[in-house]
Amino acid sequence: CPENTMAEAERWAAQIGGPAYAIDEQTAIKVSDGAVEVV
């Protein structure tokens, strides 16, 4: 996915109204009882 750069993620995030995560293949997001944890 050569278009999925951090610069592109920053442009994307600037257009949405809320928190956003850019993550690679070695990253997961765990949500438990409303608490968000990045692993």
PDB file of all heavy atoms in Angstrom:
ATOM      1  N   CYS A   1       0.862  -1.197   0.000  1.00  0.00           N
ATOM      2  CA  CYS A   1       0.000   0.000   0.000  1.00  0.00           C
ATOM      3  C   CYS A   1       0.892   1.240   0.000  1.00  0.00           C
ATOM      4  O   CYS A   1       0.955   1.970   1.003  1.00  0.00           O
ATOM      5  CB  CYS A   1      -0.910  -0.002   1.227  1.00  0.00           C
ATOM      6  SG  CYS A   1      -1.960  -1.437   1.383  1.00  0.00           S
ATOM      7  N   PRO A   2       1.597   1.518  -1.093  1.00  0.00           N
ATOM      8  CA  PRO A   2       2.562   2.625  -1.103  1.00  0.00           C
ATOM      9  C   PRO A   2       1.936   3.995  -0.841  1.00  0.00           C
ATOM     10  O   PRO A   2       2.625   4.923  -0.426  1.00  0.00           O
ATOM     11  CB  PRO A   2       3.190   2.548  -2.494  1.00  0.00           C
ATOM     12  CG  PRO A   2       2.229   1.763  -3.321  1.00  0.00           C
ATOM     13  CD  PRO A   2       1.519   0.835  -2.376  1.00  0.00           C
ATOM     14  N   GLU A   3       0.629   4.111  -1.041  1.00  0.00           N
ATOM     15  CA  GLU A   3      -0.043   5.395  -0.787  1.00  0.00           C
ATOM     16  C   GLU A   3      -0.337   5.611   0.700  1.00  0.00           C
ATOM     17  O   GLU A   3      -0.707   6.710   1.098  1.00  0.00           O
ATOM     18  CB  GLU A   3      -1.339   5.483  -1.606  1.00  0.00           C
ATOM     19  CG  GLU A   3      -2.420   4.509  -1.175  1.00  0.00           C
ATOM     20  CD  GLU A   3      -2.285   3.083  -1.717  1.00  0.00           C
ATOM     21  OE1 GLU A   3      -1.301   2.766  -2.403  1.00  0.00           O
ATOM     22  OE2 GLU A   3      -3.178   2.279  -1.433  1.00  0.00           O
ATOM     23  N   ASN A   4      -0.165   4.603   1.527  1.00  0.00           N
ATOM     24  CA  ASN A   4      -0.486   4.709   2.950  1.00  0.00           C
ATOM     25  C   ASN A   4       0.719   5.194   3.762  1.00  0.00           C
ATOM     26  O   ASN A   4       1.238   4.507   4.626  1.00  0.00           O
ATOM     27  CB  ASN A   4      -0.995   3.364   3.488  1.00  0.00           C
ATOM     28  CG  ASN A   4      -2.414   3.092   3.069  1.00  0.00           C
ATOM     29  OD1 ASN A   4      -2.924   3.724   2.147  1.00  0.00           O
ATOM     30  ND2 ASN A   4      -3.051   2.158   3.726  1.00  0.00           N
ATOM     31  N   THR A   5       1.130   6.410   3.495  1.00  0.00           N
ATOM     32  CA  THR A   5       2.255   7.027   4.187  1.00  0.00           C
ATOM     33  C   THR A   5       1.755   7.823   5.387  1.00  0.00           C
ATOM     34  O   THR A   5       0.560   8.127   5.499  1.00  0.00           O
ATOM     35  CB  THR A   5       2.994   7.983   3.243  1.00  0.00           C
ATOM     36  OG1 THR A   5       2.088   9.043   2.881  1.00  0.00           O
ATOM     37  CG2 THR A   5       3.499   7.277   1.988  1.00  0.00           C
ATOM     38  N   MET A   6       2.676   8.197   6.268  1.00  0.00           N
ATOM     39  CA  MET A   6       2.301   9.026   7.411  1.00  0.00           C
ATOM     40  C   MET A   6       1.799  10.385   6.934  1.00  0.00           C
ATOM     41  O   MET A   6       0.849  10.923   7.490  1.00  0.00           O
ATOM     42  CB  MET A   6       3.480   9.187   8.369  1.00  0.00           C
ATOM     43  CG  MET A   6       3.108   9.933   9.646  1.00  0.00           C
ATOM     44  SD  MET A   6       1.846   9.111  10.669  1.00  0.00           S
ATOM     45  CE  MET A   6       2.853   7.865  11.472  1.00  0.00           C
ATOM     46  N   ALA A   7       2.389  10.925   5.877  1.00  0.00           N
ATOM     47  CA  ALA A   7       1.926  12.216   5.345  1.00  0.00           C
ATOM     48  C   ALA A   7       0.482  12.102   4.859  1.00  0.00           C
ATOM     49  O   ALA A   7      -0.336  12.997   5.111  1.00  0.00           O
ATOM     50  CB  ALA A   7       2.838  12.677   4.208  1.00  0.00           C
ATOM     51  N   GLU A   8       0.146  11.006   4.189  1.00  0.00           N
ATOM     52  CA  GLU A   8      -1.235  10.805   3.732  1.00  0.00           C
ATOM     53  C   GLU A   8      -2.169  10.613   4.915  1.00  0.00           C
ATOM     54  O   GLU A   8      -3.299  11.109   4.922  1.00  0.00           O
ATOM     55  CB  GLU A   8      -1.317   9.620   2.774  1.00  0.00           C
ATOM     56  CG  GLU A   8      -2.672   9.431   2.146  1.00  0.00           C
ATOM     57  CD  GLU A   8      -3.145  10.637   1.336  1.00  0.00           C
ATOM     58  OE1 GLU A   8      -2.327  11.323   0.710  1.00  0.00           O
ATOM     59  OE2 GLU A   8      -4.371  10.882   1.335  1.00  0.00           O
ATOM     60  N   ALA A   9      -1.718   9.901   5.937  1.00  0.00           N
ATOM     61  CA  ALA A   9      -2.528   9.711   7.147  1.00  0.00           C
ATOM     62  C   ALA A   9      -2.811  11.055   7.822  1.00  0.00           C
ATOM     63  O   ALA A   9      -3.924  11.299   8.290  1.00  0.00           O
ATOM     64  CB  ALA A   9      -1.820   8.767   8.115  1.00  0.00           C
ATOM     65  N   GLU A  10      -1.826  11.924   7.852  1.00  0.00           N
ATOM     66  CA  GLU A  10      -2.018  13.253   8.451  1.00  0.00           C
ATOM     67  C   GLU A  10      -3.039  14.066   7.665  1.00  0.00           C
ATOM     68  O   GLU A  10      -3.897  14.733   8.253  1.00  0.00           O
ATOM     69  CB  GLU A  10      -0.685  13.985   8.541  1.00  0.00           C
ATOM     70  CG  GLU A  10       0.230  13.398   9.589  1.00  0.00           C
ATOM     71  CD  GLU A  10       1.625  14.015   9.603  1.00  0.00           C
ATOM     72  OE1 GLU A  10       1.923  14.902   8.761  1.00  0.00           O
ATOM     73  OE2 GLU A  10       2.423  13.580  10.451  1.00  0.00           O
ATOM     74  N   ARG A  11      -2.961  14.019   6.324  1.00  0.00           N
ATOM     75  CA  ARG A  11      -3.954  14.733   5.493  1.00  0.00           C
ATOM     76  C   ARG A  11      -5.356  14.173   5.731  1.00  0.00           C
ATOM     77  O   ARG A  11      -6.323  14.910   5.859  1.00  0.00           O
ATOM     78  CB  ARG A  11      -3.583  14.620   4.014  1.00  0.00           C
ATOM     79  CG  ARG A  11      -2.472  15.536   3.587  1.00  0.00           C
ATOM     80  CD  ARG A  11      -2.295  15.556   2.075  1.00  0.00           C
ATOM     81  NE  ARG A  11      -1.672  14.341   1.575  1.00  0.00           N
ATOM     82  CZ  ARG A  11      -0.366  14.112   1.558  1.00  0.00           C
ATOM     83  NH1 ARG A  11       0.467  15.010   2.017  1.00  0.00           N
ATOM     84  NH2 ARG A  11       0.106  12.980   1.066  1.00  0.00           N
ATOM     85  N   TRP A  12      -5.466  12.845   5.794  1.00  0.00           N
ATOM     86  CA  TRP A  12      -6.752  12.182   6.043  1.00  0.00           C
ATOM     87  C   TRP A  12      -7.309  12.590   7.398  1.00  0.00           C
ATOM     88  O   TRP A  12      -8.478  12.960   7.520  1.00  0.00           O
ATOM     89  CB  TRP A  12      -6.543  10.671   5.955  1.00  0.00           C
ATOM     90  CG  TRP A  12      -7.644   9.839   6.508  1.00  0.00           C
ATOM     91  CD1 TRP A  12      -8.826   9.539   5.898  1.00  0.00           C
ATOM     92  CD2 TRP A  12      -7.673   9.202   7.781  1.00  0.00           C
ATOM     93  NE1 TRP A  12      -9.586   8.734   6.726  1.00  0.00           N
ATOM     94  CE2 TRP A  12      -8.896   8.522   7.880  1.00  0.00           C
ATOM     95  CE3 TRP A  12      -6.783   9.135   8.848  1.00  0.00           C
ATOM     96  CZ2 TRP A  12      -9.249   7.791   9.009  1.00  0.00           C
ATOM     97  CZ3 TRP A  12      -7.122   8.406   9.961  1.00  0.00           C
ATOM     98  CH2 TRP A  12      -8.349   7.745  10.033  1.00  0.00           C
ATOM     99  N   ALA A  13      -6.479  12.522   8.429  1.00  0.00           N
ATOM    100  CA  ALA A  13      -6.935  12.838   9.790  1.00  0.00           C
ATOM    101  C   ALA A  13      -7.386  14.290   9.919  1.00  0.00           C
ATOM    102  O   ALA A  13      -8.304  14.591  10.690  1.00  0.00           O
ATOM    103  CB  ALA A  13      -5.829  12.533  10.796  1.00  0.00           C
ATOM    104  N   ALA A  14      -6.773  15.186   9.159  1.00  0.00           N
ATOM    105  CA  ALA A  14      -7.146  16.601   9.217  1.00  0.00           C
ATOM    106  C   ALA A  14      -8.555  16.846   8.683  1.00  0.00           C
ATOM    107  O   ALA A  14      -9.179  17.858   9.010  1.00  0.00           O
ATOM    108  CB  ALA A  14      -6.132  17.440   8.437  1.00  0.00           C
ATOM    109  N   GLN A  15      -9.086  15.912   7.898  1.00  0.00           N
ATOM    110  CA  GLN A  15     -10.400  16.082   7.281  1.00  0.00           C
ATOM    111  C   GLN A  15     -11.539  15.466   8.080  1.00  0.00           C
ATOM    112  O   GLN A  15     -12.703  15.652   7.723  1.00  0.00           O
ATOM    113  CB  GLN A  15     -10.394  15.467   5.880  1.00  0.00           C
ATOM    114  CG  GLN A  15      -9.430  16.120   4.943  1.00  0.00           C
ATOM    115  CD  GLN A  15      -9.388  15.407   3.604  1.00  0.00           C
ATOM    116  OE1 GLN A  15     -10.264  14.622   3.262  1.00  0.00           O
ATOM    117  NE2 GLN A  15      -8.350  15.671   2.834  1.00  0.00           N
ATOM    118  N   ILE A  16     -11.229  14.700   9.105  1.00  0.00           N
ATOM    119  CA  ILE A  16     -12.290  14.043   9.862  1.00  0.00           C
ATOM    120  C   ILE A  16     -12.451  14.725  11.213  1.00  0.00           C
ATOM    121  O   ILE A  16     -11.532  15.349  11.715  1.00  0.00           O
ATOM    122  CB  ILE A  16     -12.043  12.526  10.022  1.00  0.00           C
ATOM    123  CG1 ILE A  16     -10.759  12.263  10.767  1.00  0.00           C
ATOM    124  CG2 ILE A  16     -12.021  11.830   8.674  1.00  0.00           C
ATOM    125  CD1 ILE A  16     -10.552  10.801  11.093  1.00  0.00           C
ATOM    126  N   GLY A  17     -13.613  14.614  11.784  1.00  0.00           N
ATOM    127  CA  GLY A  17     -13.900  15.286  13.041  1.00  0.00           C
ATOM    128  C   GLY A  17     -13.880  14.339  14.217  1.00  0.00           C
ATOM    129  O   GLY A  17     -14.927  13.954  14.703  1.00  0.00           O
ATOM    130  N   GLY A  18     -12.720  13.967  14.666  1.00  0.00           N
ATOM    131  CA  GLY A  18     -12.634  13.075  15.809  1.00  0.00           C
ATOM    132  C   GLY A  18     -11.279  12.428  15.890  1.00  0.00           C
ATOM    133  O   GLY A  18     -10.442  12.596  15.008  1.00  0.00           O
ATOM    134  N   PRO A  19     -11.052  11.664  16.938  1.00  0.00           N
ATOM    135  CA  PRO A  19      -9.760  11.006  17.074  1.00  0.00           C
ATOM    136  C   PRO A  19      -9.550   9.964  15.983  1.00  0.00           C
ATOM    137  O   PRO A  19     -10.502   9.336  15.518  1.00  0.00           O
ATOM    138  CB  PRO A  19      -9.817  10.349  18.452  1.00  0.00           C
ATOM    139  CG  PRO A  19     -11.249  10.317  18.840  1.00  0.00           C
ATOM    140  CD  PRO A  19     -11.955  11.365  18.045  1.00  0.00           C
ATOM    141  N   ALA A  20      -8.302   9.803  15.588  1.00  0.00           N
ATOM    142  CA  ALA A  20      -7.959   8.845  14.534  1.00  0.00           C
ATOM    143  C   ALA A  20      -6.570   8.286  14.797  1.00  0.00           C
ATOM    144  O   ALA A  20      -5.686   8.987  15.280  1.00  0.00           O
ATOM    145  CB  ALA A  20      -7.991   9.537  13.176  1.00  0.00           C
ATOM    146  N   TYR A  21      -6.422   7.018  14.477  1.00  0.00           N
ATOM    147  CA  TYR A  21      -5.145   6.332  14.629  1.00  0.00           C
ATOM    148  C   TYR A  21      -4.641   5.902  13.270  1.00  0.00           C
ATOM    149  O   TYR A  21      -5.390   5.321  12.485  1.00  0.00           O
ATOM    150  CB  TYR A  21      -5.298   5.072  15.479  1.00  0.00           C
ATOM    151  CG  TYR A  21      -5.634   5.318  16.922  1.00  0.00           C
ATOM    152  CD1 TYR A  21      -6.949   5.482  17.329  1.00  0.00           C
ATOM    153  CD2 TYR A  21      -4.636   5.368  17.885  1.00  0.00           C
ATOM    154  CE1 TYR A  21      -7.272   5.695  18.660  1.00  0.00           C
ATOM    155  CE2 TYR A  21      -4.943   5.573  19.224  1.00  0.00           C
ATOM    156  CZ  TYR A  21      -6.252   5.744  19.602  1.00  0.00           C
ATOM    157  OH  TYR A  21      -6.566   5.953  20.917  1.00  0.00           O
ATOM    158  N   ALA A  22      -3.349   6.136  13.004  1.00  0.00           N
ATOM    159  CA  ALA A  22      -2.659   5.538  11.867  1.00  0.00           C
ATOM    160  C   ALA A  22      -1.855   4.387  12.455  1.00  0.00           C
ATOM    161  O   ALA A  22      -1.089   4.584  13.405  1.00  0.00           O
ATOM    162  CB  ALA A  22      -1.738   6.547  11.198  1.00  0.00           C
ATOM    163  N   ILE A  23      -2.057   3.175  11.920  1.00  0.00           N
ATOM    164  CA  ILE A  23      -1.403   2.000  12.494  1.00  0.00           C
ATOM    165  C   ILE A  23      -0.787   1.131  11.406  1.00  0.00           C
ATOM    166  O   ILE A  23      -1.315   1.022  10.308  1.00  0.00           O
ATOM    167  CB  ILE A  23      -2.373   1.160  13.356  1.00  0.00           C
ATOM    168  CG1 ILE A  23      -3.527   0.603  12.530  1.00  0.00           C
ATOM    169  CG2 ILE A  23      -2.897   1.974  14.534  1.00  0.00           C
ATOM    170  CD1 ILE A  23      -4.427  -0.379  13.274  1.00  0.00           C
ATOM    171  N   ASP A  24       0.336   0.498  11.747  1.00  0.00           N
ATOM    172  CA  ASP A  24       0.981  -0.427  10.819  1.00  0.00           C
ATOM    173  C   ASP A  24       0.552  -1.858  11.129  1.00  0.00           C
ATOM    174  O   ASP A  24      -0.328  -2.089  11.959  1.00  0.00           O
ATOM    175  CB  ASP A  24       2.500  -0.254  10.846  1.00  0.00           C
ATOM    176  CG  ASP A  24       3.140  -0.692  12.154  1.00  0.00           C
ATOM    177  OD1 ASP A  24       2.430  -1.157  13.079  1.00  0.00           O
ATOM    178  OD2 ASP A  24       4.369  -0.569  12.269  1.00  0.00           O
ATOM    179  N   GLU A  25       1.179  -2.802  10.467  1.00  0.00           N
ATOM    180  CA  GLU A  25       0.803  -4.213  10.598  1.00  0.00           C
ATOM    181  C   GLU A  25       1.197  -4.832  11.938  1.00  0.00           C
ATOM    182  O   GLU A  25       0.725  -5.909  12.281  1.00  0.00           O
ATOM    183  CB  GLU A  25       1.442  -5.028   9.471  1.00  0.00           C
ATOM    184  CG  GLU A  25       1.059  -4.573   8.081  1.00  0.00           C
ATOM    185  CD  GLU A  25      -0.431  -4.622   7.816  1.00  0.00           C
ATOM    186  OE1 GLU A  25      -1.047  -5.678   7.968  1.00  0.00           O
ATOM    187  OE2 GLU A  25      -0.992  -3.565   7.458  1.00  0.00           O
ATOM    188  N   GLN A  26       2.057  -4.158  12.697  1.00  0.00           N
ATOM    189  CA  GLN A  26       2.463  -4.670  14.003  1.00  0.00           C
ATOM    190  C   GLN A  26       1.755  -3.955  15.142  1.00  0.00           C
ATOM    191  O   GLN A  26       2.224  -3.952  16.273  1.00  0.00           O
ATOM    192  CB  GLN A  26       3.991  -4.534  14.188  1.00  0.00           C
ATOM    193  CG  GLN A  26       4.800  -5.487  13.337  1.00  0.00           C
ATOM    194  CD  GLN A  26       4.858  -5.053  11.879  1.00  0.00           C
ATOM    195  OE1 GLN A  26       5.064  -3.899  11.587  1.00  0.00           O
ATOM    196  NE2 GLN A  26       4.661  -5.993  10.982  1.00  0.00           N
ATOM    197  N   THR A  27       0.614  -3.368  14.842  1.00  0.00           N
ATOM    198  CA  THR A  27      -0.119  -2.578  15.823  1.00  0.00           C
ATOM    199  C   THR A  27      -1.572  -3.026  15.889  1.00  0.00           C
ATOM    200  O   THR A  27      -2.177  -3.317  14.871  1.00  0.00           O
ATOM    201  CB  THR A  27      -0.061  -1.080  15.464  1.00  0.00           C
ATOM    202  OG1 THR A  27       1.322  -0.684  15.383  1.00  0.00           O
ATOM    203  CG2 THR A  27      -0.762  -0.211  16.476  1.00  0.00           C
ATOM    204  N   ALA A  28      -2.077  -3.074  17.108  1.00  0.00           N
ATOM    205  CA  ALA A  28      -3.487  -3.388  17.345  1.00  0.00           C
ATOM    206  C   ALA A  28      -4.049  -2.356  18.315  1.00  0.00           C
ATOM    207  O   ALA A  28      -3.307  -1.733  19.081  1.00  0.00           O
ATOM    208  CB  ALA A  28      -3.642  -4.780  17.935  1.00  0.00           C
ATOM    209  N   ILE A  29      -5.347  -2.183  18.270  1.00  0.00           N
ATOM    210  CA  ILE A  29      -6.021  -1.281  19.200  1.00  0.00           C
ATOM    211  C   ILE A  29      -6.993  -2.111  20.017  1.00  0.00           C
ATOM    212  O   ILE A  29      -7.884  -2.761  19.466  1.00  0.00           O
ATOM    213  CB  ILE A  29      -6.743  -0.142  18.460  1.00  0.00           C
ATOM    214  CG1 ILE A  29      -5.726   0.674  17.657  1.00  0.00           C
ATOM    215  CG2 ILE A  29      -7.490   0.735  19.451  1.00  0.00           C
ATOM    216  CD1 ILE A  29      -6.340   1.735  16.782  1.00  0.00           C
ATOM    217  N   LYS A  30      -6.807  -2.085  21.325  1.00  0.00           N
ATOM    218  CA  LYS A  30      -7.648  -2.841  22.247  1.00  0.00           C
ATOM    219  C   LYS A  30      -8.583  -1.867  22.961  1.00  0.00           C
ATOM    220  O   LYS A  30      -8.146  -0.855  23.495  1.00  0.00           O
ATOM    221  CB  LYS A  30      -6.763  -3.559  23.277  1.00  0.00           C
ATOM    222  CG  LYS A  30      -7.526  -4.290  24.342  1.00  0.00           C
ATOM    223  CD  LYS A  30      -6.558  -4.901  25.348  1.00  0.00           C
ATOM    224  CE  LYS A  30      -7.296  -5.468  26.529  1.00  0.00           C
ATOM    225  NZ  LYS A  30      -6.347  -6.001  27.531  1.00  0.00           N
ATOM    226  N   VAL A  31      -9.868  -2.179  22.940  1.00  0.00           N
ATOM    227  CA  VAL A  31     -10.858  -1.360  23.638  1.00  0.00           C
ATOM    228  C   VAL A  31     -11.568  -2.262  24.637  1.00  0.00           C
ATOM    229  O   VAL A  31     -12.160  -3.269  24.264  1.00  0.00           O
ATOM    230  CB  VAL A  31     -11.875  -0.730  22.659  1.00  0.00           C
ATOM    231  CG1 VAL A  31     -12.885   0.116  23.410  1.00  0.00           C
ATOM    232  CG2 VAL A  31     -11.165   0.085  21.595  1.00  0.00           C
ATOM    233  N   SER A  32     -11.498  -1.880  25.901  1.00  0.00           N
ATOM    234  CA  SER A  32     -12.124  -2.657  26.958  1.00  0.00           C
ATOM    235  C   SER A  32     -12.817  -1.703  27.918  1.00  0.00           C
ATOM    236  O   SER A  32     -12.169  -0.813  28.490  1.00  0.00           O
ATOM    237  CB  SER A  32     -11.063  -3.475  27.700  1.00  0.00           C
ATOM    238  OG  SER A  32     -11.650  -4.232  28.728  1.00  0.00           O
ATOM    239  N   ASP A  33     -14.126  -1.855  28.058  1.00  0.00           N
ATOM    240  CA  ASP A  33     -14.924  -0.967  28.928  1.00  0.00           C
ATOM    241  C   ASP A  33     -14.697   0.505  28.599  1.00  0.00           C
ATOM    242  O   ASP A  33     -14.619   1.347  29.487  1.00  0.00           O
ATOM    243  CB  ASP A  33     -14.625  -1.243  30.400  1.00  0.00           C
ATOM    244  CG  ASP A  33     -15.095  -2.609  30.843  1.00  0.00           C
ATOM    245  OD1 ASP A  33     -16.118  -3.082  30.307  1.00  0.00           O
ATOM    246  OD2 ASP A  33     -14.447  -3.215  31.715  1.00  0.00           O
ATOM    247  N   GLY A  34     -14.536   0.804  27.321  1.00  0.00           N
ATOM    248  CA  GLY A  34     -14.369   2.187  26.882  1.00  0.00           C
ATOM    249  C   GLY A  34     -12.946   2.703  26.918  1.00  0.00           C
ATOM    250  O   GLY A  34     -12.664   3.772  26.401  1.00  0.00           O
ATOM    251  N   ALA A  35     -12.036   1.970  27.532  1.00  0.00           N
ATOM    252  CA  ALA A  35     -10.631   2.385  27.591  1.00  0.00           C
ATOM    253  C   ALA A  35      -9.907   1.885  26.345  1.00  0.00           C
ATOM    254  O   ALA A  35     -10.007   0.716  25.994  1.00  0.00           O
ATOM    255  CB  ALA A  35      -9.969   1.840  28.848  1.00  0.00           C
ATOM    256  N   VAL A  36      -9.176   2.783  25.699  1.00  0.00           N
ATOM    257  CA  VAL A  36      -8.441   2.454  24.475  1.00  0.00           C
ATOM    258  C   VAL A  36      -6.974   2.238  24.819  1.00  0.00           C
ATOM    259  O   VAL A  36      -6.364   3.059  25.504  1.00  0.00           O
ATOM    260  CB  VAL A  36      -8.573   3.584  23.430  1.00  0.00           C
ATOM    261  CG1 VAL A  36      -7.771   3.267  22.180  1.00  0.00           C
ATOM    262  CG2 VAL A  36     -10.036   3.832  23.093  1.00  0.00           C
ATOM    263  N   GLU A  37      -6.423   1.125  24.329  1.00  0.00           N
ATOM    264  CA  GLU A  37      -5.012   0.814  24.537  1.00  0.00           C
ATOM    265  C   GLU A  37      -4.403   0.412  23.200  1.00  0.00           C
ATOM    266  O   GLU A  37      -4.952  -0.424  22.490  1.00  0.00           O
ATOM    267  CB  GLU A  37      -4.867  -0.339  25.529  1.00  0.00           C
ATOM    268  CG  GLU A  37      -3.446  -0.789  25.750  1.00  0.00           C
ATOM    269  CD  GLU A  37      -3.350  -2.021  26.638  1.00  0.00           C
ATOM    270  OE1 GLU A  37      -4.382  -2.498  27.142  1.00  0.00           O
ATOM    271  OE2 GLU A  37      -2.230  -2.517  26.804  1.00  0.00           O
ATOM    272  N   VAL A  38      -3.277   1.026  22.862  1.00  0.00           N
ATOM    273  CA  VAL A  38      -2.563   0.666  21.654  1.00  0.00           C
ATOM    274  C   VAL A  38      -1.506  -0.371  22.034  1.00  0.00           C
ATOM    275  O   VAL A  38      -0.710  -0.149  22.951  1.00  0.00           O
ATOM    276  CB  VAL A  38      -1.898   1.892  20.993  1.00  0.00           C
ATOM    277  CG1 VAL A  38      -1.070   1.480  19.781  1.00  0.00           C
ATOM    278  CG2 VAL A  38      -2.956   2.911  20.597  1.00  0.00           C
ATOM    279  N   VAL A  39      -1.528  -1.492  21.351  1.00  0.00           N
ATOM    280  CA  VAL A  39      -0.560  -2.562  21.560  1.00  0.00           C
ATOM    281  C   VAL A  39       0.279  -2.624  20.290  1.00  0.00           C
ATOM    282  O   VAL A  39      -0.261  -2.887  19.213  1.00  0.00           O
ATOM    283  CB  VAL A  39      -1.273  -3.915  21.807  1.00  0.00           C
ATOM    284  CG1 VAL A  39      -0.257  -5.018  22.038  1.00  0.00           C
ATOM    285  CG2 VAL A  39      -2.255  -3.799  22.964  1.00  0.00           C
TER     286      VAL A  39
END
